[in-house]
Amino acid sequence: MDQKDLARKVKLIIIDVDGTLSDGRFYMLPDGQTIKSFDVKDGTGILFAQLAGLKTAIITGKSCSQVRKRAEDMGVTDYYEGVYNKTHAFLELIEKYNLQKEEVAYIGDDIGDAEVMGMVGFAAAVGDAHPLIKRISHFIAKRYGGRGAVREVLDFILDVQERWQTIFATLKQSQNWEEIFKEINS
């Protein structure tokens, strides 16, 4: 089965954070707090996926109030932090939504993502992912983690599922679509 056939089945998209949704770098402030950066394009892609009726989830190995807030701003309802064995969260999600493994996409970048990526129906790697992750992926983004790679993967899924008309119709009907974009991009 080719990558388009696999992407057509996707109903849930799971996204890693460090190196995927962010570029993997963080800035340490003198008081010990850290700052991560996120690409607005990725957040908009997540919003579009949700408007198309796809479920979105984040599973990250670290706990970070900044990431939790970003997930909340993007409307991600399933947020798992401090999870080193991502398989448990993945299995919980497919049970919660009564999905088959083939109906799940996972976007990742490093060895910690490999086990779940080997279980899902559509595995996607960011452009600067570890070589092993690229080998097990059905789709490899040209863009790097934290630099629009998540958006690239989501656009591919939305394209093959022909969801753009649904997204634009939903936006057109929404009284507050400008507010949605302001919140996601703030």
N, C-alpha and C. Protein backbone atom coordinates (compact mmCIF):
# COMPACT_ATOMS: atom_id res chain seq x y z
N MET A 1 0.85 -1.17 0.00
CA MET A 1 0.00 0.00 0.00
C MET A 1 0.90 1.24 0.00
N ASP A 2 0.57 2.24 -0.82
CA ASP A 2 1.42 3.42 -0.86
C ASP A 2 1.02 4.44 0.21
N GLN A 3 1.84 5.46 0.36
CA GLN A 3 1.65 6.43 1.44
C GLN A 3 0.31 7.15 1.35
N LYS A 4 -0.20 7.39 0.17
CA LYS A 4 -1.50 8.06 0.04
C LYS A 4 -2.62 7.17 0.55
N ASP A 5 -2.57 5.89 0.21
CA ASP A 5 -3.59 4.96 0.71
C ASP A 5 -3.56 4.88 2.23
N LEU A 6 -2.37 4.88 2.81
CA LEU A 6 -2.24 4.83 4.26
C LEU A 6 -2.77 6.11 4.90
N ALA A 7 -2.47 7.27 4.32
CA ALA A 7 -2.90 8.55 4.86
C ALA A 7 -4.42 8.74 4.77
N ARG A 8 -5.04 8.12 3.79
CA ARG A 8 -6.49 8.25 3.64
C ARG A 8 -7.25 7.66 4.84
N LYS A 9 -6.65 6.71 5.53
CA LYS A 9 -7.31 6.03 6.65
C LYS A 9 -7.21 6.80 7.97
N VAL A 10 -6.38 7.82 8.04
CA VAL A 10 -6.05 8.49 9.31
C VAL A 10 -7.26 9.22 9.89
N LYS A 11 -7.51 8.97 11.18
CA LYS A 11 -8.55 9.66 11.93
C LYS A 11 -8.00 10.35 13.17
N LEU A 12 -6.81 9.93 13.60
CA LEU A 12 -6.15 10.50 14.78
C LEU A 12 -4.69 10.75 14.43
N ILE A 13 -4.20 11.94 14.80
CA ILE A 13 -2.80 12.29 14.56
C ILE A 13 -2.14 12.55 15.90
N ILE A 14 -1.08 11.79 16.18
CA ILE A 14 -0.31 11.95 17.41
C ILE A 14 0.99 12.66 17.05
N ILE A 15 1.35 13.65 17.84
CA ILE A 15 2.53 14.47 17.55
C ILE A 15 3.46 14.47 18.76
N ASP A 16 4.74 14.23 18.49
CA ASP A 16 5.80 14.39 19.47
C ASP A 16 6.09 15.89 19.59
N VAL A 17 6.80 16.30 20.64
CA VAL A 17 7.11 17.72 20.82
C VAL A 17 8.56 18.05 20.47
N ASP A 18 9.49 17.69 21.35
CA ASP A 18 10.88 18.12 21.16
C ASP A 18 11.49 17.51 19.91
N GLY A 19 11.87 18.38 18.98
CA GLY A 19 12.43 17.93 17.71
C GLY A 19 11.38 17.73 16.63
N THR A 20 10.11 17.82 17.00
CA THR A 20 9.02 17.64 16.04
C THR A 20 8.15 18.89 15.99
N LEU A 21 7.41 19.14 17.06
CA LEU A 21 6.60 20.36 17.14
C LEU A 21 7.47 21.57 17.47
N SER A 22 8.55 21.34 18.18
CA SER A 22 9.57 22.38 18.40
C SER A 22 10.84 21.92 17.70
N ASP A 23 11.80 22.80 17.59
CA ASP A 23 13.03 22.43 16.89
C ASP A 23 14.00 21.65 17.78
N GLY A 24 13.59 21.36 19.00
CA GLY A 24 14.42 20.57 19.90
C GLY A 24 15.36 21.40 20.75
N ARG A 25 15.51 22.67 20.40
CA ARG A 25 16.37 23.55 21.20
C ARG A 25 15.54 24.21 22.28
N PHE A 26 16.19 24.57 23.36
CA PHE A 26 15.53 25.39 24.37
C PHE A 26 16.55 26.39 24.88
N TYR A 27 16.03 27.48 25.37
CA TYR A 27 16.88 28.54 25.90
C TYR A 27 16.70 28.56 27.40
N MET A 28 17.83 28.47 28.12
CA MET A 28 17.77 28.47 29.56
C MET A 28 18.01 29.88 30.08
N LEU A 29 17.05 30.36 30.86
CA LEU A 29 17.13 31.68 31.45
C LEU A 29 17.94 31.63 32.74
N PRO A 30 18.45 32.77 33.20
CA PRO A 30 19.26 32.78 34.43
C PRO A 30 18.56 32.18 35.65
N ASP A 31 17.22 32.26 35.68
CA ASP A 31 16.49 31.71 36.83
C ASP A 31 16.22 30.21 36.70
N GLY A 32 16.73 29.59 35.61
CA GLY A 32 16.57 28.15 35.41
C GLY A 32 15.38 27.76 34.56
N GLN A 33 14.50 28.72 34.29
CA GLN A 33 13.36 28.42 33.41
C GLN A 33 13.86 28.27 31.98
N THR A 34 13.08 27.55 31.19
CA THR A 34 13.46 27.34 29.79
C THR A 34 12.37 27.89 28.87
N ILE A 35 12.80 28.23 27.66
CA ILE A 35 11.89 28.72 26.63
C ILE A 35 12.06 27.85 25.39
N LYS A 36 10.94 27.43 24.81
CA LYS A 36 10.92 26.68 23.55
C LYS A 36 10.23 27.56 22.52
N SER A 37 10.51 27.29 21.26
CA SER A 37 9.81 28.04 20.21
C SER A 37 8.98 27.07 19.37
N PHE A 38 7.89 27.60 18.83
CA PHE A 38 6.98 26.82 18.01
C PHE A 38 6.70 27.60 16.72
N ASP A 39 6.44 26.89 15.66
CA ASP A 39 6.15 27.51 14.37
C ASP A 39 4.63 27.70 14.24
N VAL A 40 4.23 28.91 13.91
CA VAL A 40 2.81 29.22 13.74
C VAL A 40 2.18 28.32 12.68
N LYS A 41 2.92 27.99 11.63
CA LYS A 41 2.38 27.13 10.57
C LYS A 41 1.94 25.78 11.12
N ASP A 42 2.72 25.22 12.05
CA ASP A 42 2.34 23.93 12.64
C ASP A 42 1.03 24.05 13.41
N GLY A 43 0.90 25.12 14.18
CA GLY A 43 -0.34 25.33 14.94
C GLY A 43 -1.54 25.49 14.03
N THR A 44 -1.37 26.21 12.93
CA THR A 44 -2.46 26.38 11.98
C THR A 44 -2.82 25.04 11.33
N GLY A 45 -1.82 24.23 11.03
CA GLY A 45 -2.08 22.90 10.47
C GLY A 45 -2.87 22.03 11.42
N ILE A 46 -2.55 22.11 12.71
CA ILE A 46 -3.30 21.35 13.72
C ILE A 46 -4.75 21.83 13.77
N LEU A 47 -4.94 23.14 13.72
CA LEU A 47 -6.29 23.69 13.68
C LEU A 47 -7.05 23.18 12.47
N PHE A 48 -6.42 23.20 11.29
CA PHE A 48 -7.08 22.71 10.08
C PHE A 48 -7.45 21.23 10.21
N ALA A 49 -6.56 20.43 10.77
CA ALA A 49 -6.86 19.01 10.96
C ALA A 49 -8.09 18.83 11.84
N GLN A 50 -8.18 19.63 12.89
CA GLN A 50 -9.32 19.54 13.78
C GLN A 50 -10.61 20.00 13.09
N LEU A 51 -10.51 21.07 12.30
CA LEU A 51 -11.68 21.55 11.55
C LEU A 51 -12.16 20.51 10.54
N ALA A 52 -11.23 19.67 10.07
CA ALA A 52 -11.57 18.60 9.13
C ALA A 52 -12.16 17.38 9.83
N GLY A 53 -12.21 17.42 11.16
CA GLY A 53 -12.79 16.31 11.91
C GLY A 53 -11.80 15.29 12.40
N LEU A 54 -10.51 15.56 12.24
CA LEU A 54 -9.49 14.64 12.72
C LEU A 54 -9.18 14.93 14.19
N LYS A 55 -8.90 13.90 14.94
CA LYS A 55 -8.49 14.04 16.34
C LYS A 55 -6.99 14.32 16.37
N THR A 56 -6.56 15.12 17.35
CA THR A 56 -5.13 15.39 17.51
C THR A 56 -4.72 15.13 18.96
N ALA A 57 -3.50 14.63 19.10
CA ALA A 57 -2.97 14.34 20.43
C ALA A 57 -1.48 14.67 20.44
N ILE A 58 -0.99 15.01 21.60
CA ILE A 58 0.44 15.24 21.82
C ILE A 58 0.90 14.27 22.88
N ILE A 59 2.02 13.60 22.60
CA ILE A 59 2.67 12.75 23.61
C ILE A 59 4.12 13.21 23.69
N THR A 60 4.54 13.63 24.88
CA THR A 60 5.90 14.13 25.06
C THR A 60 6.54 13.53 26.30
N GLY A 61 7.81 13.33 26.21
CA GLY A 61 8.55 12.74 27.33
C GLY A 61 8.80 13.70 28.47
N LYS A 62 8.73 14.98 28.20
CA LYS A 62 9.01 15.99 29.23
C LYS A 62 7.71 16.60 29.72
N SER A 63 7.78 17.22 30.89
CA SER A 63 6.67 17.99 31.43
C SER A 63 7.07 19.45 31.36
N CYS A 64 6.21 20.27 30.75
CA CYS A 64 6.56 21.66 30.53
C CYS A 64 5.28 22.48 30.44
N SER A 65 5.14 23.46 31.32
CA SER A 65 3.93 24.28 31.31
C SER A 65 3.78 25.04 30.01
N GLN A 66 4.89 25.41 29.39
CA GLN A 66 4.84 26.13 28.12
C GLN A 66 4.21 25.26 27.01
N VAL A 67 4.61 24.00 26.96
CA VAL A 67 4.06 23.09 25.95
C VAL A 67 2.60 22.80 26.26
N ARG A 68 2.28 22.62 27.53
CA ARG A 68 0.90 22.37 27.93
C ARG A 68 0.00 23.54 27.49
N LYS A 69 0.48 24.77 27.69
CA LYS A 69 -0.27 25.96 27.30
C LYS A 69 -0.43 26.03 25.77
N ARG A 70 0.63 25.69 25.04
CA ARG A 70 0.55 25.70 23.57
C ARG A 70 -0.47 24.68 23.09
N ALA A 71 -0.46 23.49 23.68
CA ALA A 71 -1.43 22.45 23.31
C ALA A 71 -2.86 22.93 23.59
N GLU A 72 -3.04 23.57 24.73
CA GLU A 72 -4.35 24.11 25.08
C GLU A 72 -4.78 25.18 24.08
N ASP A 73 -3.88 26.08 23.72
CA ASP A 73 -4.19 27.14 22.75
C ASP A 73 -4.58 26.56 21.38
N MET A 74 -3.97 25.43 21.01
CA MET A 74 -4.26 24.81 19.72
C MET A 74 -5.50 23.92 19.77
N GLY A 75 -6.08 23.74 20.95
CA GLY A 75 -7.28 22.93 21.07
C GLY A 75 -7.01 21.44 21.07
N VAL A 76 -5.78 21.05 21.38
CA VAL A 76 -5.44 19.63 21.45
C VAL A 76 -6.03 19.08 22.75
N THR A 77 -6.96 18.15 22.62
CA THR A 77 -7.66 17.66 23.82
C THR A 77 -6.91 16.54 24.52
N ASP A 78 -6.11 15.79 23.79
CA ASP A 78 -5.40 14.66 24.39
C ASP A 78 -3.92 15.03 24.49
N TYR A 79 -3.51 15.36 25.70
CA TYR A 79 -2.14 15.83 25.95
C TYR A 79 -1.51 14.94 27.02
N TYR A 80 -0.44 14.27 26.66
CA TYR A 80 0.28 13.39 27.58
C TYR A 80 1.69 13.94 27.75
N GLU A 81 2.08 14.23 28.98
CA GLU A 81 3.42 14.73 29.24
C GLU A 81 4.12 13.83 30.25
N GLY A 82 5.46 13.88 30.22
CA GLY A 82 6.23 13.05 31.13
C GLY A 82 6.10 11.57 30.81
N VAL A 83 5.85 11.25 29.53
CA VAL A 83 5.61 9.88 29.12
C VAL A 83 6.83 9.36 28.35
N TYR A 84 7.51 8.41 28.94
CA TYR A 84 8.69 7.86 28.26
C TYR A 84 8.37 6.61 27.47
N ASN A 85 7.36 5.87 27.90
CA ASN A 85 6.89 4.74 27.11
C ASN A 85 5.60 5.19 26.42
N LYS A 86 5.75 5.69 25.22
CA LYS A 86 4.63 6.30 24.51
C LYS A 86 3.60 5.28 24.03
N THR A 87 3.96 4.00 24.07
CA THR A 87 3.04 2.95 23.65
C THR A 87 1.79 2.92 24.51
N HIS A 88 1.94 3.11 25.82
CA HIS A 88 0.78 3.07 26.72
C HIS A 88 -0.22 4.17 26.35
N ALA A 89 0.27 5.39 26.12
CA ALA A 89 -0.61 6.49 25.74
C ALA A 89 -1.28 6.20 24.39
N PHE A 90 -0.51 5.68 23.44
CA PHE A 90 -1.05 5.33 22.12
C PHE A 90 -2.19 4.32 22.26
N LEU A 91 -1.98 3.26 23.03
CA LEU A 91 -3.02 2.24 23.20
C LEU A 91 -4.24 2.80 23.92
N GLU A 92 -4.02 3.70 24.86
CA GLU A 92 -5.13 4.36 25.55
C GLU A 92 -5.97 5.19 24.56
N LEU A 93 -5.29 5.89 23.66
CA LEU A 93 -5.99 6.72 22.68
C LEU A 93 -6.81 5.89 21.70
N ILE A 94 -6.26 4.79 21.20
CA ILE A 94 -7.04 4.00 20.25
C ILE A 94 -8.24 3.35 20.93
N GLU A 95 -8.09 3.03 22.20
CA GLU A 95 -9.24 2.49 22.93
C GLU A 95 -10.27 3.59 23.17
N LYS A 96 -9.81 4.75 23.60
CA LYS A 96 -10.72 5.88 23.87
C LYS A 96 -11.57 6.23 22.65
N TYR A 97 -10.97 6.25 21.48
CA TYR A 97 -11.67 6.64 20.26
C TYR A 97 -12.14 5.45 19.42
N ASN A 98 -11.96 4.24 19.95
CA ASN A 98 -12.40 3.03 19.27
C ASN A 98 -11.84 2.97 17.84
N LEU A 99 -10.53 3.12 17.73
CA LEU A 99 -9.85 3.13 16.44
C LEU A 99 -8.99 1.89 16.25
N GLN A 100 -8.72 1.60 15.01
CA GLN A 100 -7.74 0.58 14.66
C GLN A 100 -6.38 1.27 14.55
N LYS A 101 -5.31 0.54 14.74
CA LYS A 101 -3.97 1.11 14.63
C LYS A 101 -3.75 1.76 13.26
N GLU A 102 -4.36 1.20 12.22
CA GLU A 102 -4.20 1.72 10.86
C GLU A 102 -4.82 3.11 10.69
N GLU A 103 -5.66 3.52 11.64
CA GLU A 103 -6.33 4.81 11.54
C GLU A 103 -5.59 5.92 12.28
N VAL A 104 -4.37 5.62 12.70
CA VAL A 104 -3.58 6.58 13.48
C VAL A 104 -2.32 6.96 12.73
N ALA A 105 -2.02 8.25 12.77
CA ALA A 105 -0.75 8.77 12.25
C ALA A 105 0.09 9.22 13.43
N TYR A 106 1.39 9.10 13.30
CA TYR A 106 2.31 9.58 14.34
C TYR A 106 3.41 10.38 13.65
N ILE A 107 3.68 11.58 14.15
CA ILE A 107 4.75 12.42 13.62
C ILE A 107 5.84 12.51 14.68
N GLY A 108 7.05 12.05 14.32
CA GLY A 108 8.14 12.03 15.28
C GLY A 108 9.49 12.31 14.66
N ASP A 109 10.51 12.23 15.51
CA ASP A 109 11.86 12.58 15.05
C ASP A 109 12.98 11.72 15.60
N ASP A 110 12.76 11.00 16.70
CA ASP A 110 13.89 10.34 17.33
C ASP A 110 13.52 8.96 17.87
N ILE A 111 14.51 8.28 18.39
CA ILE A 111 14.39 6.88 18.80
C ILE A 111 13.22 6.63 19.76
N GLY A 112 12.94 7.58 20.63
CA GLY A 112 11.82 7.42 21.56
C GLY A 112 10.47 7.30 20.89
N ASP A 113 10.40 7.66 19.63
CA ASP A 113 9.14 7.59 18.87
C ASP A 113 9.02 6.29 18.07
N ALA A 114 10.11 5.56 17.95
CA ALA A 114 10.18 4.41 17.02
C ALA A 114 9.15 3.33 17.30
N GLU A 115 8.96 2.96 18.56
CA GLU A 115 8.05 1.85 18.84
C GLU A 115 6.63 2.16 18.38
N VAL A 116 6.12 3.34 18.74
CA VAL A 116 4.77 3.70 18.33
C VAL A 116 4.71 3.89 16.82
N MET A 117 5.73 4.47 16.23
CA MET A 117 5.73 4.68 14.78
C MET A 117 5.66 3.35 14.04
N GLY A 118 6.20 2.31 14.63
CA GLY A 118 6.13 0.99 14.02
C GLY A 118 4.76 0.33 14.17
N MET A 119 3.92 0.89 15.00
CA MET A 119 2.60 0.32 15.26
C MET A 119 1.47 1.03 14.51
N VAL A 120 1.67 2.29 14.14
CA VAL A 120 0.59 3.06 13.53
C VAL A 120 0.46 2.77 12.04
N GLY A 121 -0.64 3.21 11.47
CA GLY A 121 -0.87 3.02 10.04
C GLY A 121 -0.10 3.98 9.17
N PHE A 122 0.20 5.18 9.70
CA PHE A 122 0.90 6.20 8.91
C PHE A 122 1.93 6.88 9.80
N ALA A 123 3.20 6.52 9.61
CA ALA A 123 4.30 7.12 10.37
C ALA A 123 4.96 8.19 9.53
N ALA A 124 5.18 9.36 10.13
CA ALA A 124 5.80 10.48 9.42
C ALA A 124 6.97 11.01 10.23
N ALA A 125 8.04 11.36 9.53
CA ALA A 125 9.24 11.91 10.16
C ALA A 125 9.44 13.34 9.70
N VAL A 126 10.00 14.15 10.60
CA VAL A 126 10.41 15.49 10.21
C VAL A 126 11.70 15.38 9.40
N GLY A 127 12.02 16.42 8.64
CA GLY A 127 13.16 16.37 7.74
C GLY A 127 14.50 16.11 8.38
N ASP A 128 14.66 16.53 9.64
CA ASP A 128 15.94 16.32 10.33
C ASP A 128 15.84 15.20 11.37
N ALA A 129 14.96 14.26 11.14
CA ALA A 129 14.79 13.12 12.05
C ALA A 129 16.01 12.20 12.02
N HIS A 130 16.13 11.40 13.04
CA HIS A 130 17.18 10.38 13.12
C HIS A 130 17.01 9.43 11.92
N PRO A 131 18.11 8.95 11.35
CA PRO A 131 18.02 8.06 10.18
C PRO A 131 17.13 6.83 10.38
N LEU A 132 17.12 6.24 11.57
CA LEU A 132 16.24 5.10 11.84
C LEU A 132 14.78 5.50 11.70
N ILE A 133 14.43 6.65 12.22
CA ILE A 133 13.04 7.13 12.15
C ILE A 133 12.65 7.35 10.69
N LYS A 134 13.56 7.88 9.91
CA LYS A 134 13.27 8.07 8.48
C LYS A 134 13.05 6.73 7.79
N ARG A 135 13.82 5.72 8.18
CA ARG A 135 13.69 4.40 7.54
C ARG A 135 12.34 3.74 7.81
N ILE A 136 11.78 3.99 8.98
CA ILE A 136 10.51 3.34 9.33
C ILE A 136 9.30 4.19 8.99
N SER A 137 9.51 5.36 8.38
CA SER A 137 8.41 6.29 8.08
C SER A 137 7.83 6.06 6.70
N HIS A 138 6.55 6.34 6.60
CA HIS A 138 5.85 6.30 5.31
C HIS A 138 5.97 7.62 4.57
N PHE A 139 6.25 8.68 5.33
CA PHE A 139 6.35 10.03 4.77
C PHE A 139 7.46 10.76 5.51
N ILE A 140 8.32 11.43 4.77
CA ILE A 140 9.39 12.24 5.37
C ILE A 140 9.21 13.67 4.89
N ALA A 141 8.99 14.57 5.84
CA ALA A 141 8.82 15.98 5.50
C ALA A 141 10.14 16.56 5.01
N LYS A 142 10.04 17.54 4.16
CA LYS A 142 11.23 18.28 3.73
C LYS A 142 11.63 19.28 4.81
N ARG A 143 10.64 19.83 5.49
CA ARG A 143 10.90 20.81 6.55
C ARG A 143 11.37 20.12 7.82
N TYR A 144 12.07 20.87 8.63
CA TYR A 144 12.63 20.34 9.89
C TYR A 144 11.64 20.52 11.04
N GLY A 145 11.91 19.79 12.12
CA GLY A 145 11.10 19.89 13.32
C GLY A 145 11.09 21.32 13.84
N GLY A 146 9.90 21.80 14.22
CA GLY A 146 9.76 23.16 14.72
C GLY A 146 9.84 24.21 13.65
N ARG A 147 9.91 23.78 12.40
CA ARG A 147 10.05 24.70 11.27
C ARG A 147 9.02 24.42 10.18
N GLY A 148 7.84 23.96 10.58
CA GLY A 148 6.77 23.72 9.61
C GLY A 148 6.64 22.28 9.15
N ALA A 149 7.41 21.36 9.71
CA ALA A 149 7.33 19.95 9.30
C ALA A 149 5.97 19.34 9.64
N VAL A 150 5.45 19.66 10.81
CA VAL A 150 4.14 19.12 11.21
C VAL A 150 3.08 19.60 10.22
N ARG A 151 3.11 20.85 9.86
CA ARG A 151 2.15 21.40 8.89
C ARG A 151 2.27 20.67 7.56
N GLU A 152 3.50 20.40 7.13
CA GLU A 152 3.71 19.69 5.86
C GLU A 152 3.05 18.31 5.88
N VAL A 153 3.22 17.59 6.97
CA VAL A 153 2.61 16.26 7.10
C VAL A 153 1.09 16.38 7.13
N LEU A 154 0.59 17.32 7.92
CA LEU A 154 -0.86 17.49 8.03
C LEU A 154 -1.47 17.90 6.69
N ASP A 155 -0.81 18.79 5.97
CA ASP A 155 -1.29 19.18 4.64
C ASP A 155 -1.36 17.98 3.71
N PHE A 156 -0.36 17.10 3.78
CA PHE A 156 -0.37 15.91 2.95
C PHE A 156 -1.60 15.05 3.26
N ILE A 157 -1.85 14.82 4.55
CA ILE A 157 -3.00 14.01 4.96
C ILE A 157 -4.31 14.67 4.51
N LEU A 158 -4.42 15.97 4.75
CA LEU A 158 -5.64 16.69 4.36
C LEU A 158 -5.84 16.69 2.85
N ASP A 159 -4.74 16.78 2.10
CA ASP A 159 -4.83 16.73 0.63
C ASP A 159 -5.36 15.38 0.16
N VAL A 160 -4.76 14.29 0.63
CA VAL A 160 -5.18 12.98 0.13
C VAL A 160 -6.58 12.60 0.62
N GLN A 161 -6.98 13.15 1.75
CA GLN A 161 -8.34 12.90 2.24
C GLN A 161 -9.35 13.89 1.64
N GLU A 162 -8.86 14.82 0.82
CA GLU A 162 -9.70 15.82 0.17
C GLU A 162 -10.59 16.55 1.18
N ARG A 163 -9.95 17.08 2.22
CA ARG A 163 -10.67 17.73 3.32
C ARG A 163 -10.73 19.25 3.23
N TRP A 164 -10.07 19.85 2.26
CA TRP A 164 -9.98 21.31 2.23
C TRP A 164 -11.34 21.99 2.09
N GLN A 165 -12.24 21.45 1.30
CA GLN A 165 -13.56 22.07 1.16
C GLN A 165 -14.30 22.09 2.50
N THR A 166 -14.16 21.00 3.24
CA THR A 166 -14.79 20.94 4.57
C THR A 166 -14.21 22.01 5.48
N ILE A 167 -12.91 22.15 5.45
CA ILE A 167 -12.23 23.14 6.31
C ILE A 167 -12.71 24.55 5.95
N PHE A 168 -12.67 24.89 4.67
CA PHE A 168 -13.06 26.24 4.26
C PHE A 168 -14.54 26.51 4.51
N ALA A 169 -15.39 25.50 4.33
CA ALA A 169 -16.82 25.67 4.62
C ALA A 169 -17.03 25.92 6.11
N THR A 170 -16.30 25.20 6.94
CA THR A 170 -16.41 25.38 8.38
C THR A 170 -15.94 26.77 8.78
N LEU A 171 -14.83 27.21 8.21
CA LEU A 171 -14.34 28.55 8.51
C LEU A 171 -15.33 29.63 8.06
N LYS A 172 -15.90 29.44 6.90
CA LYS A 172 -16.84 30.42 6.35
C LYS A 172 -18.08 30.53 7.24
N GLN A 173 -18.53 29.39 7.78
CA GLN A 173 -19.73 29.38 8.63
C GLN A 173 -19.43 29.91 10.03
N SER A 174 -18.19 29.84 10.44
CA SER A 174 -17.83 30.24 11.79
C SER A 174 -17.93 31.76 11.92
N GLN A 175 -18.58 32.18 12.96
CA GLN A 175 -18.71 33.61 13.23
C GLN A 175 -17.39 34.22 13.71
N ASN A 176 -16.54 33.38 14.27
CA ASN A 176 -15.34 33.92 14.91
C ASN A 176 -14.06 33.30 14.38
N TRP A 177 -13.98 32.99 13.09
CA TRP A 177 -12.78 32.35 12.55
C TRP A 177 -11.55 33.22 12.71
N GLU A 178 -11.72 34.55 12.64
CA GLU A 178 -10.57 35.43 12.85
C GLU A 178 -10.04 35.29 14.27
N GLU A 179 -10.96 35.13 15.22
CA GLU A 179 -10.55 34.94 16.62
C GLU A 179 -9.81 33.61 16.80
N ILE A 180 -10.28 32.59 16.09
CA ILE A 180 -9.61 31.28 16.17
C ILE A 180 -8.16 31.42 15.74
N PHE A 181 -7.93 32.10 14.62
CA PHE A 181 -6.56 32.25 14.12
C PHE A 181 -5.73 33.15 15.03
N LYS A 182 -6.33 34.17 15.60
CA LYS A 182 -5.58 35.04 16.52
C LYS A 182 -5.11 34.24 17.73
N GLU A 183 -5.99 33.40 18.26
CA GLU A 183 -5.64 32.63 19.45
C GLU A 183 -4.55 31.60 19.15
N ILE A 184 -4.68 30.90 18.03
CA ILE A 184 -3.72 29.87 17.69
C ILE A 184 -2.36 30.46 17.36
N ASN A 185 -2.35 31.69 16.86
CA ASN A 185 -1.10 32.32 16.42
C ASN A 185 -0.55 33.31 17.44
N SER A 186 -1.11 33.33 18.64
CA SER A 186 -0.59 34.26 19.65
C SER A 186 0.48 33.62 20.49
